[in-house]
Amino acid sequence: MKLVVAVIQPTKLPDVKRALFEADVRKMTVTNVIGCGQQGGYTESYRGSIIEVNLLKKIRIEIAVNENFVKPTIDAIIKGARTGNIGDGKIFILDLPQCIRIRTGEEGNEAIG
């Protein structure tokens, strides 16, 4: 089992969700986050003052998958999120040692579904 964590542009969420649904990946957690990476941020003028904005709005998607769904999940996220510009995001793959479905008590691969 793996936990796939992706940080993407907010505007790309509908495209990523569509690509994931096409790959038969329907269970996910989506969170609004702020952060910066290579993109760094930008400056803008507000009421005559220069303001540095270095924490940008992003979307964090977390998906627990069984081994056979790791590659399709990654491919779907890339398909939906890629623009070719700095700031497209990152995908992290983490080992998931245990998963328990609260409702039924199922564990492991069966709990992920």
C-alpha atoms as a PDB file:
ATOM      1  CA  MET A   1       0.000   0.000   0.000  1.00  0.00           C
ATOM      2  CA  LYS A   2       1.153   3.520  -0.803  1.00  0.00           C
ATOM      3  CA  LEU A   3       0.066   7.032   0.049  1.00  0.00           C
ATOM      4  CA  VAL A   4       0.250   9.314  -2.972  1.00  0.00           C
ATOM      5  CA  VAL A   5       0.457  12.988  -2.014  1.00  0.00           C
ATOM      6  CA  ALA A   6       0.283  15.618  -4.744  1.00  0.00           C
ATOM      7  CA  VAL A   7       0.574  19.387  -4.454  1.00  0.00           C
ATOM      8  CA  ILE A   8      -0.901  21.113  -7.515  1.00  0.00           C
ATOM      9  CA  GLN A   9      -2.186  24.437  -8.799  1.00  0.00           C
ATOM     10  CA  PRO A  10      -5.761  25.180  -7.633  1.00  0.00           C
ATOM     11  CA  THR A  11      -6.931  25.779 -11.196  1.00  0.00           C
ATOM     12  CA  LYS A  12      -5.860  22.259 -12.204  1.00  0.00           C
ATOM     13  CA  LEU A  13      -8.000  20.429  -9.617  1.00  0.00           C
ATOM     14  CA  PRO A  14     -10.943  19.775 -11.992  1.00  0.00           C
ATOM     15  CA  ASP A  15      -8.564  18.379 -14.635  1.00  0.00           C
ATOM     16  CA  VAL A  16      -6.779  16.159 -12.094  1.00  0.00           C
ATOM     17  CA  LYS A  17     -10.074  14.862 -10.674  1.00  0.00           C
ATOM     18  CA  ARG A  18     -11.323  14.069 -14.183  1.00  0.00           C
ATOM     19  CA  ALA A  19      -8.106  12.197 -15.019  1.00  0.00           C
ATOM     20  CA  LEU A  20      -8.241  10.272 -11.725  1.00  0.00           C
ATOM     21  CA  PHE A  21     -11.881   9.270 -12.311  1.00  0.00           C
ATOM     22  CA  GLU A  22     -10.935   8.063 -15.822  1.00  0.00           C
ATOM     23  CA  ALA A  23      -8.203   5.932 -14.167  1.00  0.00           C
ATOM     24  CA  ASP A  24     -10.859   4.504 -11.793  1.00  0.00           C
ATOM     25  CA  VAL A  25      -9.342   6.285  -8.770  1.00  0.00           C
ATOM     26  CA  ARG A  26     -12.259   7.832  -6.880  1.00  0.00           C
ATOM     27  CA  LYS A  27     -11.195   8.025  -3.222  1.00  0.00           C
ATOM     28  CA  MET A  28      -9.139  11.038  -2.237  1.00  0.00           C
ATOM     29  CA  THR A  29      -8.734  13.799   0.316  1.00  0.00           C
ATOM     30  CA  VAL A  30      -8.328  17.350  -0.986  1.00  0.00           C
ATOM     31  CA  THR A  31      -7.024  20.229   1.131  1.00  0.00           C
ATOM     32  CA  ASN A  32      -6.374  23.914   0.433  1.00  0.00           C
ATOM     33  CA  VAL A  33      -2.796  24.737   1.455  1.00  0.00           C
ATOM     34  CA  ILE A  34      -0.258  27.519   0.982  1.00  0.00           C
ATOM     35  CA  GLY A  35       3.408  27.123   0.226  1.00  0.00           C
ATOM     36  CA  CYS A  36       6.219  27.847  -2.162  1.00  0.00           C
ATOM     37  CA  GLY A  37       8.822  25.926  -4.034  1.00  0.00           C
ATOM     38  CA  GLN A  38      11.044  26.782  -6.972  1.00  0.00           C
ATOM     39  CA  GLN A  39       8.388  29.274  -8.070  1.00  0.00           C
ATOM     40  CA  GLY A  40       9.332  31.452  -5.087  1.00  0.00           C
ATOM     41  CA  GLY A  41       6.452  33.905  -5.179  1.00  0.00           C
ATOM     42  CA  TYR A  42       5.915  37.391  -6.531  1.00  0.00           C
ATOM     43  CA  THR A  43       5.628  41.044  -5.486  1.00  0.00           C
ATOM     44  CA  GLU A  44       2.658  43.325  -5.918  1.00  0.00           C
ATOM     45  CA  SER A  45       1.717  46.859  -5.022  1.00  0.00           C
ATOM     46  CA  TYR A  46      -1.079  47.405  -2.499  1.00  0.00           C
ATOM     47  CA  ARG A  47      -2.071  50.975  -1.625  1.00  0.00           C
ATOM     48  CA  GLY A  48       1.348  52.245  -2.613  1.00  0.00           C
ATOM     49  CA  SER A  49       3.324  49.626  -0.668  1.00  0.00           C
ATOM     50  CA  ILE A  50       5.250  46.780  -2.238  1.00  0.00           C
ATOM     51  CA  ILE A  51       4.182  43.456  -0.764  1.00  0.00           C
ATOM     52  CA  GLU A  52       6.114  40.234  -1.248  1.00  0.00           C
ATOM     53  CA  VAL A  53       3.837  37.229  -1.641  1.00  0.00           C
ATOM     54  CA  ASN A  54       5.947  34.097  -1.184  1.00  0.00           C
ATOM     55  CA  LEU A  55       3.325  31.653   0.070  1.00  0.00           C
ATOM     56  CA  LEU A  56       1.060  30.744  -2.818  1.00  0.00           C
ATOM     57  CA  LYS A  57      -2.297  28.966  -2.828  1.00  0.00           C
ATOM     58  CA  LYS A  58      -1.995  25.282  -3.714  1.00  0.00           C
ATOM     59  CA  ILE A  59      -4.113  22.131  -3.491  1.00  0.00           C
ATOM     60  CA  ARG A  60      -2.908  19.023  -1.653  1.00  0.00           C
ATOM     61  CA  ILE A  61      -4.396  15.709  -2.749  1.00  0.00           C
ATOM     62  CA  GLU A  62      -3.860  12.559  -0.686  1.00  0.00           C
ATOM     63  CA  ILE A  63      -4.782   9.167  -2.106  1.00  0.00           C
ATOM     64  CA  ALA A  64      -4.219   5.799  -0.436  1.00  0.00           C
ATOM     65  CA  VAL A  65      -3.838   3.108  -3.100  1.00  0.00           C
ATOM     66  CA  ASN A  66      -2.947  -0.541  -3.429  1.00  0.00           C
ATOM     67  CA  GLU A  67       0.271  -1.359  -5.297  1.00  0.00           C
ATOM     68  CA  ASN A  68      -1.470  -1.984  -8.647  1.00  0.00           C
ATOM     69  CA  PHE A  69      -2.986   1.531  -8.617  1.00  0.00           C
ATOM     70  CA  VAL A  70       0.211   3.502  -7.894  1.00  0.00           C
ATOM     71  CA  LYS A  71       1.306   3.984 -11.527  1.00  0.00           C
ATOM     72  CA  PRO A  72      -2.201   4.794 -12.886  1.00  0.00           C
ATOM     73  CA  THR A  73      -2.678   7.314 -10.061  1.00  0.00           C
ATOM     74  CA  ILE A  74       0.638   9.043 -10.755  1.00  0.00           C
ATOM     75  CA  ASP A  75      -0.018   9.100 -14.518  1.00  0.00           C
ATOM     76  CA  ALA A  76      -3.495  10.589 -13.994  1.00  0.00           C
ATOM     77  CA  ILE A  77      -2.195  13.346 -11.701  1.00  0.00           C
ATOM     78  CA  ILE A  78       0.528  14.256 -14.192  1.00  0.00           C
ATOM     79  CA  LYS A  79      -1.963  14.214 -17.076  1.00  0.00           C
ATOM     80  CA  GLY A  80      -4.313  16.582 -15.261  1.00  0.00           C
ATOM     81  CA  ALA A  81      -1.807  18.911 -13.595  1.00  0.00           C
ATOM     82  CA  ARG A  82       0.986  19.411 -16.124  1.00  0.00           C
ATOM     83  CA  THR A  83       1.215  22.765 -17.911  1.00  0.00           C
ATOM     84  CA  GLY A  84       4.964  22.708 -18.477  1.00  0.00           C
ATOM     85  CA  ASN A  85       5.508  25.801 -16.321  1.00  0.00           C
ATOM     86  CA  ILE A  86       7.266  26.253 -12.995  1.00  0.00           C
ATOM     87  CA  GLY A  87       4.760  25.676 -10.200  1.00  0.00           C
ATOM     88  CA  ASP A  88       2.955  22.661 -11.695  1.00  0.00           C
ATOM     89  CA  GLY A  89       3.553  20.862  -8.395  1.00  0.00           C
ATOM     90  CA  LYS A  90       5.055  17.716  -6.929  1.00  0.00           C
ATOM     91  CA  ILE A  91       4.013  14.135  -6.265  1.00  0.00           C
ATOM     92  CA  PHE A  92       5.284  12.248  -3.222  1.00  0.00           C
ATOM     93  CA  ILE A  93       4.958   8.477  -2.797  1.00  0.00           C
ATOM     94  CA  LEU A  94       5.047   7.182   0.776  1.00  0.00           C
ATOM     95  CA  ASP A  95       4.860   3.665   2.143  1.00  0.00           C
ATOM     96  CA  LEU A  96       1.602   3.047   3.957  1.00  0.00           C
ATOM     97  CA  PRO A  97       2.226   0.345   6.567  1.00  0.00           C
ATOM     98  CA  GLN A  98      -1.375   0.034   7.734  1.00  0.00           C
ATOM     99  CA  CYS A  99      -4.892   1.138   6.868  1.00  0.00           C
ATOM    100  CA  ILE A 100      -8.042   0.449   8.870  1.00  0.00           C
ATOM    101  CA  ARG A 101     -11.603   1.136   7.732  1.00  0.00           C
ATOM    102  CA  ILE A 102     -13.361   2.477  10.820  1.00  0.00           C
ATOM    103  CA  ARG A 103     -16.875   1.375   9.807  1.00  0.00           C
ATOM    104  CA  THR A 104     -16.082  -2.320   9.286  1.00  0.00           C
ATOM    105  CA  GLY A 105     -12.733  -2.851  10.977  1.00  0.00           C
ATOM    106  CA  GLU A 106     -11.223  -4.139   7.721  1.00  0.00           C
ATOM    107  CA  GLU A 107      -7.444  -3.778   7.506  1.00  0.00           C
ATOM    108  CA  GLY A 108      -4.823  -3.559   4.782  1.00  0.00           C
ATOM    109  CA  ASN A 109      -5.656  -3.783   1.078  1.00  0.00           C
ATOM    110  CA  GLU A 110      -9.327  -4.508   1.752  1.00  0.00           C
ATOM    111  CA  ALA A 111      -9.673  -1.296   3.790  1.00  0.00           C
ATOM    112  CA  ILE A 112      -8.363   0.843   0.917  1.00  0.00           C
ATOM    113  CA  GLY A 113     -10.826  -0.679  -1.512  1.00  0.00           C
END
